[in-house]
Amino acid sequence: MIRKTVTGLLGLFWAAAASADWEVNMPVGVTELSAETYSLHMMAFWVCTVIGIVVFGVMIISLIKHRKAAGAVPAKFSHSTLAEVIWTIIPVLILLFMAVPAAETMIKLEDSRKPDLTVVVTGYQWKWHYRYQDQDVEFYSSLARPSLEARTKDAGIDPFTVDNYLLDVDRPLVVPVGAKVRILLTSNDVLHAWWVPDLAIKKDAIPGMVNETWFRAATPGTYRGQCAELCGKDHGYMPVVVEVVEEAAFNEWVASNGGTTDVTLASNQSGLE
């Protein structure tokens, strides 16, 4: 029985590994802030790794060296003031070492001043609505038809044959590369969350409230995400797709969608002024 169970689990593992790209770590992303976030993540990872090695190393050495079989005699003291001071000061210094760069990045993440482009994003069950504030363009973005057909019961379509299954939409959010894009996020019904890992954005869409975030993509391409808040029975069919294009291509896209205003990128190329 145990052999069958182990064999079955191994079969599932290898089948999944053959059909998906396994990502162990978080993505670096395509924005300056996503790169900073990744650096903070790796810094915290290595700090925790070193702490774990030191702590467990001391524990193992103590267990081996001070065991009764080795003739160890219990100490008679009740506490050590020096030890207490040391294990208080060192964690405080470690926290300060991690907190300063984290605070600087947090400030940048919240600084959405002087955007080149502002988009109002509204979550619905189960799609997104995008409205470009200054371009007179708005539309709904829903699950793409191939994914929609493949997810239907008894459709007879193998989901693994569908490109970007459940991660593709009929109309993506289109933005120019290098532009500072401010996102004003809300919801029309229940809690949603706009999540695009490559842009280092995961922000809640809350009915009756407007949350704010921003990004500046440095590389043209298509970046995918999902609603990351359990929002009902079709929560898993609510992807986010952001298409980053050159400025001229974006202006052509605006014109083709009946928009009236071209985007001219601001001179500032950093998150802070």
C-alpha atoms as a PDB file:
ATOM      1  CA  MET A   1       0.000   0.000   0.000  1.00  0.00           C
ATOM      2  CA  ILE A   2       2.790   2.401   0.928  1.00  0.00           C
ATOM      3  CA  ARG A   3       4.703   1.511  -2.255  1.00  0.00           C
ATOM      4  CA  LYS A   4       1.642   2.263  -4.390  1.00  0.00           C
ATOM      5  CA  THR A   5       1.092   5.591  -2.644  1.00  0.00           C
ATOM      6  CA  VAL A   6       4.725   6.664  -3.100  1.00  0.00           C
ATOM      7  CA  THR A   7       4.695   5.552  -6.739  1.00  0.00           C
ATOM      8  CA  GLY A   8       1.502   7.501  -7.373  1.00  0.00           C
ATOM      9  CA  LEU A   9       2.884  10.663  -5.788  1.00  0.00           C
ATOM     10  CA  LEU A  10       6.099  10.373  -7.820  1.00  0.00           C
ATOM     11  CA  GLY A  11       4.037   9.932 -10.975  1.00  0.00           C
ATOM     12  CA  LEU A  12       2.038  13.070 -10.227  1.00  0.00           C
ATOM     13  CA  PHE A  13       5.242  14.988  -9.511  1.00  0.00           C
ATOM     14  CA  TRP A  14       6.927  14.023 -12.766  1.00  0.00           C
ATOM     15  CA  ALA A  15       3.750  14.657 -14.767  1.00  0.00           C
ATOM     16  CA  ALA A  16       3.451  18.133 -13.304  1.00  0.00           C
ATOM     17  CA  ALA A  17       7.153  18.815 -13.833  1.00  0.00           C
ATOM     18  CA  ALA A  18       6.840  17.824 -17.485  1.00  0.00           C
ATOM     19  CA  SER A  19       3.942  20.200 -18.106  1.00  0.00           C
ATOM     20  CA  ALA A  20       4.965  23.294 -16.161  1.00  0.00           C
ATOM     21  CA  ASP A  21       7.981  25.503 -15.580  1.00  0.00           C
ATOM     22  CA  TRP A  22       8.860  25.255 -11.915  1.00  0.00           C
ATOM     23  CA  GLU A  23       9.776  28.546 -10.272  1.00  0.00           C
ATOM     24  CA  VAL A  24      11.439  28.176  -6.902  1.00  0.00           C
ATOM     25  CA  ASN A  25      12.208  31.851  -6.297  1.00  0.00           C
ATOM     26  CA  MET A  26      10.242  35.027  -6.894  1.00  0.00           C
ATOM     27  CA  PRO A  27      10.813  36.747 -10.281  1.00  0.00           C
ATOM     28  CA  VAL A  28      13.197  39.676 -10.584  1.00  0.00           C
ATOM     29  CA  GLY A  29      10.619  41.583 -12.624  1.00  0.00           C
ATOM     30  CA  VAL A  30      10.895  44.323 -15.228  1.00  0.00           C
ATOM     31  CA  THR A  31      10.628  47.447 -13.106  1.00  0.00           C
ATOM     32  CA  GLU A  32      13.151  49.249 -10.939  1.00  0.00           C
ATOM     33  CA  LEU A  33      11.054  48.645  -7.833  1.00  0.00           C
ATOM     34  CA  SER A  34      10.596  44.949  -8.617  1.00  0.00           C
ATOM     35  CA  ALA A  35      14.388  44.623  -8.803  1.00  0.00           C
ATOM     36  CA  GLU A  36      14.728  46.421  -5.468  1.00  0.00           C
ATOM     37  CA  THR A  37      12.047  44.182  -3.959  1.00  0.00           C
ATOM     38  CA  TYR A  38      13.895  41.109  -5.203  1.00  0.00           C
ATOM     39  CA  SER A  39      17.154  42.400  -3.691  1.00  0.00           C
ATOM     40  CA  LEU A  40      15.432  42.947  -0.333  1.00  0.00           C
ATOM     41  CA  HIS A  41      13.957  39.471  -0.529  1.00  0.00           C
ATOM     42  CA  MET A  42      17.358  37.898  -1.202  1.00  0.00           C
ATOM     43  CA  MET A  43      18.996  39.959   1.540  1.00  0.00           C
ATOM     44  CA  ALA A  44      16.419  38.735   4.068  1.00  0.00           C
ATOM     45  CA  PHE A  45      16.832  35.180   2.768  1.00  0.00           C
ATOM     46  CA  TRP A  46      20.596  35.159   3.287  1.00  0.00           C
ATOM     47  CA  VAL A  47      20.344  36.858   6.683  1.00  0.00           C
ATOM     48  CA  CYS A  48      17.868  34.179   7.803  1.00  0.00           C
ATOM     49  CA  THR A  49      20.111  31.467   6.326  1.00  0.00           C
ATOM     50  CA  VAL A  50      23.149  32.699   8.262  1.00  0.00           C
ATOM     51  CA  ILE A  51      21.095  33.005  11.468  1.00  0.00           C
ATOM     52  CA  GLY A  52      19.791  29.475  11.006  1.00  0.00           C
ATOM     53  CA  ILE A  53      23.282  28.071  10.438  1.00  0.00           C
ATOM     54  CA  VAL A  54      24.674  29.863  13.512  1.00  0.00           C
ATOM     55  CA  VAL A  55      21.780  28.986  15.823  1.00  0.00           C
ATOM     56  CA  PHE A  56      21.501  25.331  14.829  1.00  0.00           C
ATOM     57  CA  GLY A  57      25.301  25.040  14.728  1.00  0.00           C
ATOM     58  CA  VAL A  58      25.577  26.249  18.326  1.00  0.00           C
ATOM     59  CA  MET A  59      22.742  23.927  19.355  1.00  0.00           C
ATOM     60  CA  ILE A  60      24.327  20.869  17.733  1.00  0.00           C
ATOM     61  CA  ILE A  61      27.792  21.619  19.111  1.00  0.00           C
ATOM     62  CA  SER A  62      26.313  22.198  22.580  1.00  0.00           C
ATOM     63  CA  LEU A  63      24.375  18.931  22.478  1.00  0.00           C
ATOM     64  CA  ILE A  64      27.472  16.989  21.462  1.00  0.00           C
ATOM     65  CA  LYS A  65      30.061  18.726  23.642  1.00  0.00           C
ATOM     66  CA  HIS A  66      27.994  19.129  26.802  1.00  0.00           C
ATOM     67  CA  ARG A  67      26.233  15.773  26.905  1.00  0.00           C
ATOM     68  CA  LYS A  68      26.310  13.751  30.122  1.00  0.00           C
ATOM     69  CA  ALA A  69      28.159  10.881  28.453  1.00  0.00           C
ATOM     70  CA  ALA A  70      31.066  13.242  27.765  1.00  0.00           C
ATOM     71  CA  GLY A  71      31.295  14.072  31.463  1.00  0.00           C
ATOM     72  CA  ALA A  72      29.725  17.538  31.260  1.00  0.00           C
ATOM     73  CA  VAL A  73      28.734  19.087  34.600  1.00  0.00           C
ATOM     74  CA  PRO A  74      25.756  21.475  34.750  1.00  0.00           C
ATOM     75  CA  ALA A  75      26.640  25.110  35.389  1.00  0.00           C
ATOM     76  CA  LYS A  76      25.561  26.695  38.673  1.00  0.00           C
ATOM     77  CA  PHE A  77      24.782  30.244  37.446  1.00  0.00           C
ATOM     78  CA  SER A  78      21.167  31.370  36.858  1.00  0.00           C
ATOM     79  CA  HIS A  79      21.784  33.894  34.071  1.00  0.00           C
ATOM     80  CA  SER A  80      24.443  35.936  32.263  1.00  0.00           C
ATOM     81  CA  THR A  81      23.982  39.680  31.890  1.00  0.00           C
ATOM     82  CA  LEU A  82      26.577  39.822  29.119  1.00  0.00           C
ATOM     83  CA  ALA A  83      24.806  37.104  27.116  1.00  0.00           C
ATOM     84  CA  GLU A  84      21.449  38.861  27.516  1.00  0.00           C
ATOM     85  CA  VAL A  85      22.915  42.159  26.300  1.00  0.00           C
ATOM     86  CA  ILE A  86      24.557  40.483  23.308  1.00  0.00           C
ATOM     87  CA  TRP A  87      21.440  38.588  22.156  1.00  0.00           C
ATOM     88  CA  THR A  88      19.429  41.800  22.471  1.00  0.00           C
ATOM     89  CA  ILE A  89      21.827  44.129  20.635  1.00  0.00           C
ATOM     90  CA  ILE A  90      22.634  41.791  17.727  1.00  0.00           C
ATOM     91  CA  PRO A  91      18.976  41.244  16.644  1.00  0.00           C
ATOM     92  CA  VAL A  92      18.334  45.004  16.902  1.00  0.00           C
ATOM     93  CA  LEU A  93      21.314  45.711  14.625  1.00  0.00           C
ATOM     94  CA  ILE A  94      20.152  43.037  12.162  1.00  0.00           C
ATOM     95  CA  LEU A  95      16.646  44.531  12.086  1.00  0.00           C
ATOM     96  CA  LEU A  96      18.030  48.026  11.494  1.00  0.00           C
ATOM     97  CA  PHE A  97      20.273  46.688   8.717  1.00  0.00           C
ATOM     98  CA  MET A  98      17.190  45.241   6.997  1.00  0.00           C
ATOM     99  CA  ALA A  99      14.693  47.978   7.889  1.00  0.00           C
ATOM    100  CA  VAL A 100      16.495  50.984   6.389  1.00  0.00           C
ATOM    101  CA  PRO A 101      16.596  49.795   2.741  1.00  0.00           C
ATOM    102  CA  ALA A 102      13.118  48.270   3.126  1.00  0.00           C
ATOM    103  CA  ALA A 103      11.732  51.609   4.321  1.00  0.00           C
ATOM    104  CA  GLU A 104      13.340  53.431   1.384  1.00  0.00           C
ATOM    105  CA  THR A 105      11.710  51.017  -1.075  1.00  0.00           C
ATOM    106  CA  MET A 106       8.343  51.285   0.696  1.00  0.00           C
ATOM    107  CA  ILE A 107       8.454  55.068   0.312  1.00  0.00           C
ATOM    108  CA  LYS A 108       9.143  54.696  -3.417  1.00  0.00           C
ATOM    109  CA  LEU A 109       6.301  52.196  -3.774  1.00  0.00           C
ATOM    110  CA  GLU A 110       3.851  54.728  -2.367  1.00  0.00           C
ATOM    111  CA  ASP A 111       5.124  57.711  -4.356  1.00  0.00           C
ATOM    112  CA  SER A 112       2.810  57.936  -7.376  1.00  0.00           C
ATOM    113  CA  ARG A 113       3.364  61.657  -8.023  1.00  0.00           C
ATOM    114  CA  LYS A 114       3.712  63.037 -11.548  1.00  0.00           C
ATOM    115  CA  PRO A 115       2.594  59.990 -13.541  1.00  0.00           C
ATOM    116  CA  ASP A 116       2.804  59.871 -17.334  1.00  0.00           C
ATOM    117  CA  LEU A 117      -0.377  57.834 -17.483  1.00  0.00           C
ATOM    118  CA  THR A 118      -3.266  57.120 -15.089  1.00  0.00           C
ATOM    119  CA  VAL A 119      -5.545  54.115 -15.419  1.00  0.00           C
ATOM    120  CA  VAL A 120      -8.615  53.442 -13.282  1.00  0.00           C
ATOM    121  CA  VAL A 121      -8.918  49.677 -12.747  1.00  0.00           C
ATOM    122  CA  THR A 122     -12.234  48.295 -11.489  1.00  0.00           C
ATOM    123  CA  GLY A 123     -12.741  44.673 -10.499  1.00  0.00           C
ATOM    124  CA  TYR A 124     -15.958  42.850 -11.396  1.00  0.00           C
ATOM    125  CA  GLN A 125     -17.121  39.279 -10.948  1.00  0.00           C
ATOM    126  CA  TRP A 126     -15.192  38.101 -12.936  1.00  0.00           C
ATOM    127  CA  LYS A 127     -13.369  40.547 -15.193  1.00  0.00           C
ATOM    128  CA  TRP A 128     -11.520  43.853 -15.104  1.00  0.00           C
ATOM    129  CA  HIS A 129     -12.518  47.254 -16.419  1.00  0.00           C
ATOM    130  CA  TYR A 130      -9.795  49.679 -17.508  1.00  0.00           C
ATOM    131  CA  ARG A 131     -10.342  53.406 -18.028  1.00  0.00           C
ATOM    132  CA  TYR A 132      -7.491  55.642 -19.195  1.00  0.00           C
ATOM    133  CA  GLN A 133      -8.157  58.977 -17.489  1.00  0.00           C
ATOM    134  CA  ASP A 134      -6.624  61.262 -20.122  1.00  0.00           C
ATOM    135  CA  GLN A 135      -6.906  59.156 -23.277  1.00  0.00           C
ATOM    136  CA  ASP A 136     -10.702  58.696 -23.439  1.00  0.00           C
ATOM    137  CA  VAL A 137     -10.269  54.922 -23.753  1.00  0.00           C
ATOM    138  CA  GLU A 138     -12.039  52.320 -21.647  1.00  0.00           C
ATOM    139  CA  PHE A 139     -12.888  48.645 -21.995  1.00  0.00           C
ATOM    140  CA  TYR A 140     -13.554  45.380 -20.176  1.00  0.00           C
ATOM    141  CA  SER A 141     -10.872  42.679 -20.038  1.00  0.00           C
ATOM    142  CA  SER A 142     -12.174  39.109 -19.723  1.00  0.00           C
ATOM    143  CA  LEU A 143     -10.803  35.588 -19.960  1.00  0.00           C
ATOM    144  CA  ALA A 144      -9.725  34.818 -23.537  1.00  0.00           C
ATOM    145  CA  ARG A 145     -12.039  32.645 -25.652  1.00  0.00           C
ATOM    146  CA  PRO A 146      -9.637  29.639 -26.020  1.00  0.00           C
ATOM    147  CA  SER A 147      -9.268  29.378 -22.212  1.00  0.00           C
ATOM    148  CA  LEU A 148     -12.981  29.960 -21.727  1.00  0.00           C
ATOM    149  CA  GLU A 149     -13.849  27.111 -24.078  1.00  0.00           C
ATOM    150  CA  ALA A 150     -11.244  24.748 -22.609  1.00  0.00           C
ATOM    151  CA  ARG A 151     -12.481  25.274 -19.044  1.00  0.00           C
ATOM    152  CA  THR A 152     -16.055  24.320 -19.999  1.00  0.00           C
ATOM    153  CA  LYS A 153     -17.122  20.917 -18.719  1.00  0.00           C
ATOM    154  CA  ASP A 154     -17.138  18.151 -21.370  1.00  0.00           C
ATOM    155  CA  ALA A 155     -15.625  20.533 -23.927  1.00  0.00           C
ATOM    156  CA  GLY A 156     -13.216  17.858 -25.057  1.00  0.00           C
ATOM    157  CA  ILE A 157     -10.334  20.349 -25.184  1.00  0.00           C
ATOM    158  CA  ASP A 158      -7.043  19.513 -23.504  1.00  0.00           C
ATOM    159  CA  PRO A 159      -6.087  22.606 -21.427  1.00  0.00           C
ATOM    160  CA  PHE A 160      -2.395  21.823 -21.971  1.00  0.00           C
ATOM    161  CA  THR A 161      -2.869  22.535 -25.683  1.00  0.00           C
ATOM    162  CA  VAL A 162      -4.096  26.079 -24.954  1.00  0.00           C
ATOM    163  CA  ASP A 163      -1.398  28.760 -24.879  1.00  0.00           C
ATOM    164  CA  ASN A 164      -1.338  30.629 -21.549  1.00  0.00           C
ATOM    165  CA  TYR A 165      -4.341  28.680 -20.268  1.00  0.00           C
ATOM    166  CA  LEU A 166      -6.304  30.824 -17.766  1.00  0.00           C
ATOM    167  CA  LEU A 167      -3.633  33.531 -18.060  1.00  0.00           C
ATOM    168  CA  ASP A 168      -4.813  35.222 -21.253  1.00  0.00           C
ATOM    169  CA  VAL A 169      -7.466  37.857 -21.897  1.00  0.00           C
ATOM    170  CA  ASP A 170      -9.400  39.220 -24.842  1.00  0.00           C
ATOM    171  CA  ARG A 171      -8.155  42.790 -24.266  1.00  0.00           C
ATOM    172  CA  PRO A 172      -4.949  43.447 -22.302  1.00  0.00           C
ATOM    173  CA  LEU A 173      -3.960  46.640 -20.520  1.00  0.00           C
ATOM    174  CA  VAL A 174      -1.594  48.426 -22.935  1.00  0.00           C
ATOM    175  CA  VAL A 175       1.014  50.877 -21.622  1.00  0.00           C
ATOM    176  CA  PRO A 176       4.153  52.512 -23.082  1.00  0.00           C
ATOM    177  CA  VAL A 177       7.581  51.303 -22.041  1.00  0.00           C
ATOM    178  CA  GLY A 178       9.370  53.691 -19.688  1.00  0.00           C
ATOM    179  CA  ALA A 179       6.164  55.474 -18.691  1.00  0.00           C
ATOM    180  CA  LYS A 180       5.251  55.980 -15.057  1.00  0.00           C
ATOM    181  CA  VAL A 181       1.801  54.376 -14.910  1.00  0.00           C
ATOM    182  CA  ARG A 182      -0.416  55.179 -11.945  1.00  0.00           C
ATOM    183  CA  ILE A 183      -3.100  52.607 -11.155  1.00  0.00           C
ATOM    184  CA  LEU A 184      -6.239  53.693  -9.280  1.00  0.00           C
ATOM    185  CA  LEU A 185      -7.816  50.471  -8.090  1.00  0.00           C
ATOM    186  CA  THR A 186     -11.347  49.795  -6.869  1.00  0.00           C
ATOM    187  CA  SER A 187     -14.114  47.199  -7.097  1.00  0.00           C
ATOM    188  CA  ASN A 188     -17.731  47.209  -8.199  1.00  0.00           C
ATOM    189  CA  ASP A 189     -18.881  44.258  -6.087  1.00  0.00           C
ATOM    190  CA  VAL A 190     -16.581  42.193  -3.820  1.00  0.00           C
ATOM    191  CA  LEU A 191     -12.920  42.145  -2.839  1.00  0.00           C
ATOM    192  CA  HIS A 192     -10.504  41.537  -5.712  1.00  0.00           C
ATOM    193  CA  ALA A 193      -6.718  41.938  -5.976  1.00  0.00           C
ATOM    194  CA  TRP A 194      -4.729  43.088  -9.025  1.00  0.00           C
ATOM    195  CA  TRP A 195      -1.560  40.989  -9.050  1.00  0.00           C
ATOM    196  CA  VAL A 196       1.223  41.039 -11.665  1.00  0.00           C
ATOM    197  CA  PRO A 197       4.441  39.467 -10.292  1.00  0.00           C
ATOM    198  CA  ASP A 198       6.751  40.872 -12.999  1.00  0.00           C
ATOM    199  CA  LEU A 199       5.616  44.397 -12.069  1.00  0.00           C
ATOM    200  CA  ALA A 200       5.888  43.724  -8.311  1.00  0.00           C
ATOM    201  CA  ILE A 201       2.258  44.762  -7.831  1.00  0.00           C
ATOM    202  CA  LYS A 202      -0.354  43.080  -5.658  1.00  0.00           C
ATOM    203  CA  LYS A 203      -2.985  45.562  -4.563  1.00  0.00           C
ATOM    204  CA  ASP A 204      -6.492  44.998  -3.213  1.00  0.00           C
ATOM    205  CA  ALA A 205      -9.546  46.276  -5.070  1.00  0.00           C
ATOM    206  CA  ILE A 206     -12.082  47.198  -2.373  1.00  0.00           C
ATOM    207  CA  PRO A 207     -15.696  48.309  -2.975  1.00  0.00           C
ATOM    208  CA  GLY A 208     -16.175  51.959  -2.021  1.00  0.00           C
ATOM    209  CA  MET A 209     -12.439  52.625  -1.757  1.00  0.00           C
ATOM    210  CA  VAL A 210      -9.684  53.614  -4.187  1.00  0.00           C
ATOM    211  CA  ASN A 211      -6.239  52.120  -3.698  1.00  0.00           C
ATOM    212  CA  GLU A 212      -3.258  53.573  -5.517  1.00  0.00           C
ATOM    213  CA  THR A 213      -0.077  52.063  -6.907  1.00  0.00           C
ATOM    214  CA  TRP A 214       2.278  52.597  -9.848  1.00  0.00           C
ATOM    215  CA  PHE A 215       4.896  50.962 -12.023  1.00  0.00           C
ATOM    216  CA  ARG A 216       7.383  51.804 -14.777  1.00  0.00           C
ATOM    217  CA  ALA A 217       8.198  48.853 -17.047  1.00  0.00           C
ATOM    218  CA  ALA A 218      11.719  49.023 -18.462  1.00  0.00           C
ATOM    219  CA  THR A 219      11.299  46.232 -21.012  1.00  0.00           C
ATOM    220  CA  PRO A 220       8.618  45.782 -23.705  1.00  0.00           C
ATOM    221  CA  GLY A 221       6.689  42.534 -23.451  1.00  0.00           C
ATOM    222  CA  THR A 222       3.574  40.828 -22.153  1.00  0.00           C
ATOM    223  CA  TYR A 223       3.288  40.323 -18.405  1.00  0.00           C
ATOM    224  CA  ARG A 224       0.636  38.148 -16.820  1.00  0.00           C
ATOM    225  CA  GLY A 225      -1.019  37.909 -13.442  1.00  0.00           C
ATOM    226  CA  GLN A 226      -4.299  37.042 -11.777  1.00  0.00           C
ATOM    227  CA  CYS A 227      -6.864  38.176  -9.270  1.00  0.00           C
ATOM    228  CA  ALA A 228      -5.257  37.193  -5.967  1.00  0.00           C
ATOM    229  CA  GLU A 229      -8.313  37.584  -3.713  1.00  0.00           C
ATOM    230  CA  LEU A 230     -10.915  34.830  -3.423  1.00  0.00           C
ATOM    231  CA  CYS A 231     -13.828  36.632  -5.095  1.00  0.00           C
ATOM    232  CA  GLY A 232     -16.355  33.915  -5.926  1.00  0.00           C
ATOM    233  CA  LYS A 233     -16.844  30.771  -7.960  1.00  0.00           C
ATOM    234  CA  ASP A 234     -15.002  32.082 -11.062  1.00  0.00           C
ATOM    235  CA  HIS A 235     -12.108  33.614  -9.143  1.00  0.00           C
ATOM    236  CA  GLY A 236      -9.657  31.373 -10.999  1.00  0.00           C
ATOM    237  CA  TYR A 237     -10.812  32.719 -14.378  1.00  0.00           C
ATOM    238  CA  MET A 238      -9.936  36.371 -13.822  1.00  0.00           C
ATOM    239  CA  PRO A 239      -6.440  36.912 -15.253  1.00  0.00           C
ATOM    240  CA  VAL A 240      -4.527  40.171 -15.661  1.00  0.00           C
ATOM    241  CA  VAL A 241      -2.453  40.835 -18.784  1.00  0.00           C
ATOM    242  CA  VAL A 242      -0.296  43.948 -19.239  1.00  0.00           C
ATOM    243  CA  GLU A 243       1.220  44.599 -22.658  1.00  0.00           C
ATOM    244  CA  VAL A 244       4.180  47.007 -22.632  1.00  0.00           C
ATOM    245  CA  VAL A 245       4.913  48.569 -26.036  1.00  0.00           C
ATOM    246  CA  GLU A 246       6.974  51.399 -27.478  1.00  0.00           C
ATOM    247  CA  GLU A 247       5.596  54.919 -27.110  1.00  0.00           C
ATOM    248  CA  ALA A 248       4.737  55.282 -30.822  1.00  0.00           C
ATOM    249  CA  ALA A 249       2.917  51.932 -30.825  1.00  0.00           C
ATOM    250  CA  PHE A 250       0.966  52.971 -27.743  1.00  0.00           C
ATOM    251  CA  ASN A 251      -0.140  56.222 -29.345  1.00  0.00           C
ATOM    252  CA  GLU A 252      -1.259  54.279 -32.423  1.00  0.00           C
ATOM    253  CA  TRP A 253      -3.207  51.921 -30.173  1.00  0.00           C
ATOM    254  CA  VAL A 254      -4.905  54.867 -28.449  1.00  0.00           C
ATOM    255  CA  ALA A 255      -5.889  56.338 -31.830  1.00  0.00           C
ATOM    256  CA  SER A 256      -7.207  52.988 -33.077  1.00  0.00           C
ATOM    257  CA  ASN A 257      -9.420  52.758 -29.984  1.00  0.00           C
ATOM    258  CA  GLY A 258     -10.917  56.218 -30.449  1.00  0.00           C
ATOM    259  CA  GLY A 259      -8.659  57.981 -27.978  1.00  0.00           C
ATOM    260  CA  THR A 260      -7.782  61.632 -28.334  1.00  0.00           C
ATOM    261  CA  THR A 261      -4.648  62.266 -26.282  1.00  0.00           C
ATOM    262  CA  ASP A 262      -1.095  61.150 -27.036  1.00  0.00           C
ATOM    263  CA  VAL A 263       1.296  60.301 -24.231  1.00  0.00           C
ATOM    264  CA  THR A 264       4.555  62.215 -23.960  1.00  0.00           C
ATOM    265  CA  LEU A 265       6.799  60.705 -21.337  1.00  0.00           C
ATOM    266  CA  ALA A 266       7.882  62.998 -18.547  1.00  0.00           C
ATOM    267  CA  SER A 267      11.568  63.801 -18.266  1.00  0.00           C
ATOM    268  CA  ASN A 268      11.891  62.219 -14.837  1.00  0.00           C
ATOM    269  CA  GLN A 269      12.916  58.547 -15.031  1.00  0.00           C
ATOM    270  CA  SER A 270      12.932  57.682 -11.355  1.00  0.00           C
ATOM    271  CA  GLY A 271      10.223  56.982  -8.863  1.00  0.00           C
ATOM    272  CA  LEU A 272      11.111  59.968  -6.671  1.00  0.00           C
ATOM    273  CA  GLU A 273      11.459  63.650  -7.431  1.00  0.00           C
END
